[in-house]
Amino acid sequence: MLENRGTIRFPISFALFFAVIFTVMVYHPAQSKAAANIAVLLNGKEIKSATALTLIKNDRTYVPIRFLSEEIGAEVKWDSLNRKVSISFKDNRHIELWIDSIQYEVNGERRMMDVTPFIKEGRTMVPLRFAAEGMGLNVRWDNVIRTVILDEVGLHTVITNDTLYRLSQFYNTTVDELIRLNNLNSTNIYLGQVLKVPAAQKITGPVNITSSLSDSELEWLAKIITAEARGESMQGQVAVGAVIMNRVSSSEFPNTVEEVVLQQNNGHYQFTPVASGAIYSINPTSENIEAAIRAANGEDPTNGSLFFYNPSIITSDWIKSRTVSTIIGNHVFAF
């Protein structure tokens, strides 16, 4: 899980996320302007020289090719006569590109960029998409911290809202495997941390790592999970979230997460943290947010339960009379 240190941030929408990966475009009304406050990270390290020169032209982000290439150990040569840049990588890949030409070659194979490289202040500027396709780097955009994230294959720099669960889904692996690869002692990960990932298993199509809920609804779900399932296992947290989602789907309860959480019957709130007011000051961790996402996406270890309670503190005979579905951690789940 990603420690947000007291703030709640929710996943960037898929539309934005994959638009950035595949088109790597950053909107700006100016035709050509320095990309103020946009940092460039390569394998978790800010390339300050690249940050200083990164600019936007015709709604495309351009970066200086030499700085990025040399950071990953590639050799860069400039042929002034032919206005050609040659890049030789340690894995024997060789790239040649020409100024003001959309054509470039990888080991002699002719390819096309969608826009042309150009020279700015003596530096060859290439579209960011080329970094992904030509140089073999994974490219992402963190909108919260306005940072371009570049990683070599097999590495992943943690961005806002990343959790090991989300990464396991994106790289088609397991949380346990990510923990093993990185010698982690827990599921805690932090912003900017560089993790090893199974390079051969990366997938490029959409995966279900966000929910269909709005950010506000997801926040309410994460808050009630935090309040009611603090200290419970991930399964126990997802189970509490599943009860809320089951109520949303039931004709016996309100049809939004917020309304379910804040519901009153005969003047009494359904959940103690709401009655006490504690719900309003709760800050979910990214583990709680992950549980909320999983519950919102239909994961339900309770088999459709509409109620849960802690048998060691509950005093209501009515709730105890409900048909028990399962017991997870300190909670009994019932229909």
Protein backbone atom coordinates (compact mmCIF):
# COMPACT_ATOMS: atom_id res chain seq x y z
CA MET A 1 0.00 0.00 0.00
CA LEU A 2 1.14 3.56 -0.63
CA GLU A 3 1.39 5.72 2.46
CA ASN A 4 -0.35 9.01 1.72
CA ARG A 5 0.67 10.51 5.07
CA GLY A 6 -2.64 11.95 6.07
CA THR A 7 -4.18 12.90 2.74
CA ILE A 8 -6.67 11.00 0.65
CA ARG A 9 -5.96 10.65 -3.03
CA PHE A 10 -7.85 8.47 -5.42
CA PRO A 11 -6.87 6.76 -8.68
CA ILE A 12 -6.47 8.73 -11.86
CA SER A 13 -9.19 7.71 -14.29
CA PHE A 14 -8.32 5.07 -16.89
CA ALA A 15 -9.11 7.48 -19.68
CA LEU A 16 -6.44 9.87 -18.45
CA PHE A 17 -4.03 7.16 -17.40
CA PHE A 18 -3.93 5.32 -20.71
CA ALA A 19 -4.13 8.49 -22.77
CA VAL A 20 -0.89 9.51 -21.10
CA ILE A 21 0.76 6.14 -21.65
CA PHE A 22 -0.09 5.80 -25.30
CA THR A 23 -0.10 9.40 -26.49
CA VAL A 24 1.96 11.05 -23.74
CA MET A 25 0.38 14.43 -24.42
CA VAL A 26 0.13 17.27 -21.89
CA TYR A 27 -2.25 20.07 -22.82
CA HIS A 28 -1.08 23.66 -22.80
CA PRO A 29 -2.58 26.54 -24.73
CA ALA A 30 0.77 27.87 -25.89
CA GLN A 31 2.30 26.52 -29.06
CA SER A 32 5.80 26.24 -27.61
CA LYS A 33 6.60 26.89 -24.00
CA ALA A 34 8.81 25.56 -21.24
CA ALA A 35 6.90 22.98 -19.20
CA ALA A 36 7.02 24.87 -15.91
CA ASN A 37 6.86 22.72 -12.78
CA ILE A 38 6.95 19.44 -14.72
CA ALA A 39 9.64 17.16 -13.33
CA VAL A 40 11.21 14.23 -15.19
CA LEU A 41 12.07 11.09 -13.20
CA LEU A 42 14.05 8.19 -14.62
CA ASN A 43 14.12 5.00 -12.54
CA GLY A 44 13.00 7.08 -9.54
CA LYS A 45 15.69 9.75 -9.89
CA GLU A 46 14.92 13.27 -11.04
CA ILE A 47 16.93 14.21 -14.11
CA LYS A 48 17.26 17.90 -13.33
CA SER A 49 18.88 18.71 -16.65
CA ALA A 50 15.94 17.10 -18.43
CA THR A 51 13.45 18.82 -16.13
CA ALA A 52 14.97 22.20 -16.95
CA LEU A 53 14.70 21.66 -20.71
CA THR A 54 11.40 19.80 -20.95
CA LEU A 55 8.96 21.83 -23.03
CA ILE A 56 5.56 21.65 -24.67
CA LYS A 57 5.06 22.27 -28.37
CA ASN A 58 1.75 21.86 -30.17
CA ASP A 59 0.32 20.07 -27.13
CA ARG A 60 3.19 17.55 -27.05
CA THR A 61 5.78 17.12 -24.35
CA TYR A 62 9.40 17.01 -25.57
CA VAL A 63 12.46 15.91 -23.60
CA PRO A 64 16.22 16.10 -24.36
CA ILE A 65 17.28 12.72 -25.70
CA ARG A 66 20.95 12.88 -24.64
CA PHE A 67 20.29 13.30 -20.93
CA LEU A 68 17.85 10.40 -20.79
CA SER A 69 20.03 8.10 -22.89
CA GLU A 70 23.19 8.72 -20.91
CA GLU A 71 21.37 8.20 -17.61
CA ILE A 72 20.65 4.59 -18.61
CA GLY A 73 24.21 4.02 -19.80
CA ALA A 74 23.70 4.53 -23.52
CA GLU A 75 26.27 6.22 -25.76
CA VAL A 76 25.04 9.16 -27.82
CA LYS A 77 26.74 10.48 -30.94
CA TRP A 78 25.89 13.49 -33.11
CA ASP A 79 26.49 13.58 -36.84
CA SER A 80 26.31 17.27 -37.75
CA LEU A 81 26.66 16.63 -41.48
CA ASN A 82 23.57 14.43 -41.67
CA ARG A 83 21.86 15.98 -38.62
CA LYS A 84 21.61 12.51 -37.16
CA VAL A 85 21.63 11.23 -33.58
CA SER A 86 22.93 7.70 -32.94
CA ILE A 87 22.23 5.95 -29.62
CA SER A 88 23.91 2.67 -28.63
CA PHE A 89 22.52 0.76 -25.65
CA LYS A 90 24.20 -1.81 -23.44
CA ASP A 91 21.83 -4.54 -24.69
CA ASN A 92 23.14 -4.04 -28.25
CA ARG A 93 20.16 -2.02 -29.43
CA HIS A 94 21.11 0.80 -31.76
CA ILE A 95 18.85 3.73 -32.64
CA GLU A 96 19.34 6.35 -35.31
CA LEU A 97 17.07 9.38 -35.69
CA TRP A 98 17.20 12.49 -37.84
CA ILE A 99 16.32 16.07 -37.00
CA ASP A 100 13.07 17.25 -38.63
CA SER A 101 12.28 13.70 -39.81
CA ILE A 102 9.59 11.40 -38.47
CA GLN A 103 11.64 8.37 -39.48
CA TYR A 104 14.01 6.57 -37.14
CA GLU A 105 15.68 3.15 -37.09
CA VAL A 106 16.07 0.51 -34.38
CA ASN A 107 18.78 -2.01 -35.33
CA GLY A 108 18.21 -1.10 -38.97
CA GLU A 109 14.42 -1.49 -38.83
CA ARG A 110 12.67 1.63 -40.13
CA ARG A 111 10.00 3.09 -37.83
CA MET A 112 7.96 6.28 -37.65
CA MET A 113 7.37 8.90 -34.99
CA ASP A 114 4.15 10.88 -35.11
CA VAL A 115 6.03 14.19 -34.80
CA THR A 116 9.60 15.20 -35.63
CA PRO A 117 12.58 15.80 -33.31
CA PHE A 118 14.09 19.30 -33.34
CA ILE A 119 17.01 21.19 -31.81
CA LYS A 120 16.48 23.58 -28.90
CA GLU A 121 19.42 25.42 -27.33
CA GLY A 122 21.81 22.93 -28.87
CA ARG A 123 19.88 19.90 -27.53
CA THR A 124 17.97 17.33 -29.57
CA MET A 125 14.39 17.27 -28.32
CA VAL A 126 12.23 14.20 -28.93
CA PRO A 127 8.56 13.56 -28.22
CA LEU A 128 8.03 11.76 -24.96
CA ARG A 129 6.23 8.94 -26.73
CA PHE A 130 9.53 8.11 -28.44
CA ALA A 131 11.02 7.41 -25.00
CA ALA A 132 8.47 4.63 -24.62
CA GLU A 133 8.48 3.18 -28.12
CA GLY A 134 12.02 3.85 -29.29
CA MET A 135 14.07 3.67 -26.11
CA GLY A 136 12.04 0.88 -24.51
CA LEU A 137 11.06 2.89 -21.45
CA ASN A 138 7.74 2.69 -19.64
CA VAL A 139 6.16 6.15 -19.50
CA ARG A 140 3.54 7.37 -17.02
CA TRP A 141 2.23 10.71 -15.84
CA ASP A 142 1.50 11.58 -12.18
CA ASN A 143 -1.02 14.40 -12.38
CA VAL A 144 -0.95 15.08 -8.63
CA ILE A 145 2.77 15.91 -8.49
CA ARG A 146 3.01 16.92 -12.19
CA THR A 147 5.80 14.51 -12.95
CA VAL A 148 6.77 12.47 -15.99
CA ILE A 149 7.79 8.98 -14.80
CA LEU A 150 10.19 6.99 -16.98
CA ASP A 151 11.26 3.47 -16.01
CA GLU A 152 13.43 0.88 -17.65
CA VAL A 153 11.69 -2.44 -18.25
CA GLY A 154 11.63 -4.43 -15.02
CA LEU A 155 11.37 -1.36 -12.79
CA HIS A 156 8.41 0.64 -11.51
CA THR A 157 8.59 4.01 -9.74
CA VAL A 158 5.73 4.36 -7.27
CA ILE A 159 3.33 7.19 -8.11
CA THR A 160 0.30 8.64 -6.34
CA ASN A 161 -2.30 5.97 -5.36
CA ASP A 162 -0.09 2.99 -6.25
CA THR A 163 -0.51 -0.06 -4.01
CA LEU A 164 1.04 -3.50 -4.28
CA TYR A 165 -2.39 -4.84 -5.13
CA ARG A 166 -2.82 -2.42 -8.03
CA LEU A 167 0.69 -3.20 -9.28
CA SER A 168 0.04 -6.93 -9.05
CA GLN A 169 -3.00 -6.44 -11.29
CA PHE A 170 -1.14 -4.24 -13.77
CA TYR A 171 1.88 -6.54 -14.07
CA ASN A 172 -0.19 -9.74 -13.94
CA THR A 173 1.55 -11.06 -10.83
CA THR A 174 0.81 -11.39 -7.09
CA VAL A 175 1.38 -9.17 -4.07
CA ASP A 176 3.49 -11.93 -2.49
CA GLU A 177 5.74 -12.06 -5.58
CA LEU A 178 6.26 -8.28 -5.49
CA ILE A 179 7.12 -8.51 -1.79
CA ARG A 180 9.63 -11.28 -2.55
CA LEU A 181 11.22 -9.47 -5.50
CA ASN A 182 11.79 -6.35 -3.42
CA ASN A 183 12.64 -7.94 -0.04
CA LEU A 184 9.78 -6.03 1.59
CA ASN A 185 8.70 -6.65 5.18
CA SER A 186 5.14 -5.44 4.60
CA THR A 187 2.83 -4.10 1.91
CA ASN A 188 3.89 -0.50 2.66
CA ILE A 189 5.36 1.36 -0.32
CA TYR A 190 6.14 5.06 -0.64
CA LEU A 191 5.96 7.75 -3.30
CA GLY A 192 9.04 7.67 -5.52
CA GLN A 193 10.16 4.20 -4.42
CA VAL A 194 11.63 2.13 -7.26
CA LEU A 195 10.35 -1.45 -7.27
CA LYS A 196 11.40 -4.47 -9.26
CA VAL A 197 8.56 -5.92 -11.31
CA PRO A 198 8.29 -9.00 -13.54
CA ALA A 199 9.29 -7.40 -16.83
CA ALA A 200 8.13 -10.26 -19.03
CA GLN A 201 4.61 -10.11 -17.62
CA LYS A 202 3.77 -6.43 -18.09
CA ILE A 203 0.45 -5.89 -19.80
CA THR A 204 -0.60 -2.83 -21.77
CA GLY A 205 -4.36 -3.20 -21.91
CA PRO A 206 -6.78 -1.81 -19.32
CA VAL A 207 -7.06 -3.66 -16.03
CA ASN A 208 -9.63 -3.18 -13.30
CA ILE A 209 -7.56 -1.11 -10.86
CA THR A 210 -10.08 1.67 -10.37
CA SER A 211 -13.72 1.54 -9.39
CA SER A 212 -16.90 2.76 -11.01
CA LEU A 213 -17.64 4.89 -7.95
CA SER A 214 -17.01 8.62 -7.95
CA ASP A 215 -14.10 9.85 -5.83
CA SER A 216 -16.57 11.12 -3.23
CA GLU A 217 -18.39 7.79 -2.98
CA LEU A 218 -15.10 5.89 -2.84
CA GLU A 219 -13.97 8.19 -0.03
CA TRP A 220 -17.08 7.41 2.01
CA LEU A 221 -16.56 3.70 1.46
CA ALA A 222 -12.90 3.92 2.51
CA LYS A 223 -13.86 5.96 5.58
CA ILE A 224 -16.40 3.46 6.88
CA ILE A 225 -13.99 0.60 6.23
CA THR A 226 -11.31 2.44 8.21
CA ALA A 227 -13.70 3.17 11.05
CA GLU A 228 -15.29 -0.27 11.31
CA ALA A 229 -12.45 -2.58 10.27
CA ARG A 230 -9.36 -0.93 11.71
CA GLY A 231 -6.80 -3.64 12.47
CA GLU A 232 -8.63 -6.27 10.42
CA SER A 233 -7.01 -8.24 7.59
CA MET A 234 -7.45 -7.11 4.01
CA GLN A 235 -10.18 -9.72 3.63
CA GLY A 236 -11.91 -8.34 6.72
CA GLN A 237 -11.74 -4.80 5.36
CA VAL A 238 -13.06 -5.84 1.95
CA ALA A 239 -15.86 -7.70 3.71
CA VAL A 240 -17.03 -4.56 5.53
CA GLY A 241 -16.93 -2.67 2.25
CA ALA A 242 -18.87 -5.45 0.56
CA VAL A 243 -21.69 -5.10 3.09
CA ILE A 244 -21.98 -1.42 2.21
CA MET A 245 -22.03 -2.22 -1.51
CA ASN A 246 -24.61 -4.96 -0.95
CA ARG A 247 -26.83 -2.44 0.82
CA VAL A 248 -26.47 -0.01 -2.08
CA SER A 249 -27.72 -2.78 -4.39
CA SER A 250 -30.56 -3.79 -2.07
CA SER A 251 -34.04 -2.26 -2.35
CA GLU A 252 -34.16 -2.23 1.47
CA PHE A 253 -31.46 0.44 1.74
CA PRO A 254 -30.51 3.75 0.09
CA ASN A 255 -28.87 3.54 -3.33
CA THR A 256 -25.63 5.50 -2.74
CA VAL A 257 -22.67 4.77 -0.51
CA GLU A 258 -22.92 8.08 1.32
CA GLU A 259 -26.61 7.58 2.06
CA VAL A 260 -26.01 4.02 3.29
CA VAL A 261 -23.20 5.14 5.59
CA LEU A 262 -25.20 8.08 7.01
CA GLN A 263 -28.57 6.29 7.15
CA GLN A 264 -30.75 6.62 10.25
CA ASN A 265 -33.57 4.34 11.38
CA ASN A 266 -35.97 5.75 13.95
CA GLY A 267 -33.45 8.44 14.79
CA HIS A 268 -30.54 6.03 15.24
CA TYR A 269 -27.52 5.85 12.96
CA GLN A 270 -26.64 2.48 11.46
CA PHE A 271 -22.93 2.79 12.30
CA THR A 272 -21.37 3.87 15.60
CA PRO A 273 -18.56 5.97 14.04
CA VAL A 274 -21.23 8.04 12.29
CA ALA A 275 -23.21 8.51 15.50
CA SER A 276 -20.09 9.64 17.36
CA GLY A 277 -18.96 11.93 14.55
CA ALA A 278 -15.63 10.11 14.25
CA ILE A 279 -16.31 9.29 10.59
CA TYR A 280 -15.74 12.93 9.61
CA SER A 281 -12.15 13.10 10.88
CA ILE A 282 -10.98 9.71 9.61
CA ASN A 283 -8.14 9.59 7.08
CA PRO A 284 -8.06 6.22 5.29
CA THR A 285 -4.71 4.65 4.46
CA SER A 286 -4.04 3.36 0.98
CA GLU A 287 -4.72 -0.15 2.31
CA ASN A 288 -8.22 1.01 3.29
CA ILE A 289 -8.62 2.62 -0.14
CA GLU A 290 -7.50 -0.61 -1.79
CA ALA A 291 -10.13 -2.52 0.20
CA ALA A 292 -12.73 0.02 -0.91
CA ILE A 293 -11.75 -0.38 -4.56
CA ARG A 294 -11.92 -4.15 -4.32
CA ALA A 295 -15.34 -4.06 -2.66
CA ALA A 296 -16.61 -1.50 -5.17
CA ASN A 297 -15.45 -3.78 -7.97
CA GLY A 298 -17.59 -6.64 -6.67
CA GLU A 299 -15.25 -8.63 -4.41
CA ASP A 300 -17.43 -10.06 -1.64
CA PRO A 301 -16.11 -12.58 0.89
CA THR A 302 -19.42 -12.30 2.81
CA ASN A 303 -21.56 -14.03 0.17
CA GLY A 304 -23.98 -11.11 -0.08
CA SER A 305 -24.33 -10.16 3.58
CA LEU A 306 -26.22 -7.02 4.58
CA PHE A 307 -25.11 -6.86 8.20
CA PHE A 308 -21.97 -7.28 10.29
CA TYR A 309 -21.25 -7.01 14.01
CA ASN A 310 -18.63 -7.73 16.63
CA PRO A 311 -20.12 -10.41 18.89
CA SER A 312 -17.95 -9.37 21.84
CA ILE A 313 -19.51 -5.91 22.07
CA ILE A 314 -22.93 -6.12 20.40
CA THR A 315 -25.99 -6.00 22.70
CA SER A 316 -28.80 -6.16 20.15
CA ASP A 317 -30.73 -9.44 20.20
CA TRP A 318 -32.26 -8.50 16.86
CA ILE A 319 -28.93 -8.40 15.01
CA LYS A 320 -27.88 -11.65 16.67
CA SER A 321 -31.02 -13.27 15.28
CA ARG A 322 -29.95 -12.71 11.66
CA THR A 323 -28.77 -15.72 9.65
CA VAL A 324 -24.98 -15.91 9.81
CA SER A 325 -23.13 -16.09 6.50
CA THR A 326 -19.53 -16.19 7.67
CA ILE A 327 -17.11 -14.99 10.33
CA ILE A 328 -14.01 -13.02 9.31
CA GLY A 329 -11.67 -11.74 11.98
CA ASN A 330 -13.64 -10.04 14.74
CA HIS A 331 -16.82 -9.66 12.70
CA VAL A 332 -19.84 -11.85 12.12
CA PHE A 333 -21.50 -11.29 8.73
CA ALA A 334 -25.18 -12.00 8.29
CA PHE A 335 -28.14 -11.73 5.93
